[in-house]
Amino acid sequence: MNGDSRIGPSLDGIINRRIRLVKDYVYSEPLEKARGNWTSGKLNKFMQDPQKMYPGTSMQFSMPLENYERRAILRYLSGIKTIPAEEDKN
């Protein structure tokens, strides 16, 4: 993973990535116990209600996302590729 993990773990390559894969990120206890991969379906449910899916997680949304917004986010996340450091300076 080459993406930065500042507020949360890097989302670079998250689709079908194992949950808790980012090594230098401290996950909340519910996500630390989570198993499996971040599929599009699982991410969609997580964006709908993180607390329902993983009670006690620190992830929260300030406002609910509409279905079309979640689909757009998932399409975007499916296409993220790591930018080499030299290209990231612009």
Protein backbone atom coordinates (compact mmCIF):
# COMPACT_ATOMS: atom_id res chain seq x y z
CA MET A 1 0.00 0.00 0.00
CA ASN A 2 1.47 3.31 -1.04
CA GLY A 3 -1.47 5.55 -0.12
CA ASP A 4 -1.38 7.73 2.97
CA SER A 5 -3.26 6.70 6.11
CA ARG A 6 -4.05 9.98 7.82
CA ILE A 7 -7.64 10.18 9.04
CA GLY A 8 -8.34 6.57 8.12
CA PRO A 9 -6.53 3.73 6.39
CA SER A 10 -5.58 4.28 2.77
CA LEU A 11 -8.39 3.46 0.36
CA ASP A 12 -5.90 2.61 -2.39
CA GLY A 13 -6.92 -0.80 -3.71
CA ILE A 14 -9.65 -1.28 -1.08
CA ILE A 15 -12.05 -3.23 -3.33
CA ASN A 16 -11.50 -6.93 -2.52
CA ARG A 17 -8.71 -5.99 -0.09
CA ARG A 18 -8.59 -7.80 3.21
CA ILE A 19 -10.12 -5.83 6.09
CA ARG A 20 -7.36 -4.51 8.44
CA LEU A 21 -4.63 -4.84 5.80
CA VAL A 22 -2.98 -1.42 6.32
CA LYS A 23 -0.21 -2.26 8.78
CA ASP A 24 0.57 1.16 10.25
CA TYR A 25 -3.04 2.13 10.89
CA VAL A 26 -4.66 1.58 14.31
CA TYR A 27 -8.15 0.18 13.70
CA SER A 28 -11.05 0.42 16.13
CA GLU A 29 -11.70 -2.77 18.08
CA PRO A 30 -14.73 -3.85 16.00
CA LEU A 31 -12.74 -3.58 12.75
CA GLU A 32 -9.74 -5.22 14.40
CA LYS A 33 -12.01 -8.26 14.94
CA ALA A 34 -13.54 -8.11 11.44
CA ARG A 35 -12.74 -10.88 8.99
CA GLY A 36 -12.94 -11.12 5.22
CA ASN A 37 -12.43 -8.66 2.39
CA TRP A 38 -13.91 -5.28 1.51
CA THR A 39 -16.18 -6.24 -1.37
CA SER A 40 -18.28 -3.60 -3.12
CA GLY A 41 -21.36 -4.98 -1.36
CA LYS A 42 -19.73 -4.89 2.06
CA LEU A 43 -18.46 -1.34 1.50
CA ASN A 44 -21.92 -0.27 0.34
CA LYS A 45 -23.49 -1.60 3.56
CA PHE A 46 -20.70 -0.02 5.63
CA MET A 47 -21.33 3.38 4.04
CA GLN A 48 -25.07 3.01 4.78
CA ASP A 49 -24.54 2.47 8.49
CA PRO A 50 -21.04 1.73 9.84
CA GLN A 51 -22.36 1.37 13.41
CA LYS A 52 -24.95 -1.23 12.40
CA MET A 53 -22.37 -3.29 10.55
CA TYR A 54 -19.58 -2.96 13.13
CA PRO A 55 -21.06 -1.62 16.41
CA GLY A 56 -18.54 0.57 18.23
CA THR A 57 -16.45 1.42 15.17
CA SER A 58 -15.02 4.93 15.14
CA MET A 59 -16.21 5.42 11.54
CA GLN A 60 -19.20 7.73 11.25
CA PHE A 61 -20.91 9.66 8.48
CA SER A 62 -22.24 13.12 9.25
CA MET A 63 -25.09 12.64 6.79
CA PRO A 64 -26.60 9.61 5.09
CA LEU A 65 -25.48 8.96 1.54
CA GLU A 66 -28.02 8.34 -1.20
CA ASN A 67 -27.75 5.10 -3.18
CA TYR A 68 -26.42 6.92 -6.29
CA GLU A 69 -23.74 8.61 -4.14
CA ARG A 70 -22.57 5.29 -2.70
CA ARG A 71 -22.46 3.78 -6.21
CA ALA A 72 -20.37 6.72 -7.44
CA ILE A 73 -17.96 6.32 -4.51
CA LEU A 74 -17.63 2.60 -5.20
CA ARG A 75 -16.97 3.25 -8.90
CA TYR A 76 -14.29 5.77 -7.91
CA LEU A 77 -12.69 3.40 -5.40
CA SER A 78 -12.64 0.62 -8.00
CA GLY A 79 -10.44 2.78 -10.21
CA ILE A 80 -7.95 4.17 -7.67
CA LYS A 81 -4.38 3.39 -8.58
CA THR A 82 -1.36 4.43 -6.58
CA ILE A 83 0.34 7.54 -7.97
CA PRO A 84 4.14 7.26 -8.06
CA ALA A 85 5.72 9.75 -5.64
CA GLU A 86 7.37 11.80 -8.40
CA GLU A 87 3.99 12.37 -10.11
CA ASP A 88 2.33 13.33 -6.83
CA LYS A 89 4.42 16.52 -6.44
CA ASN A 90 2.35 18.62 -8.90
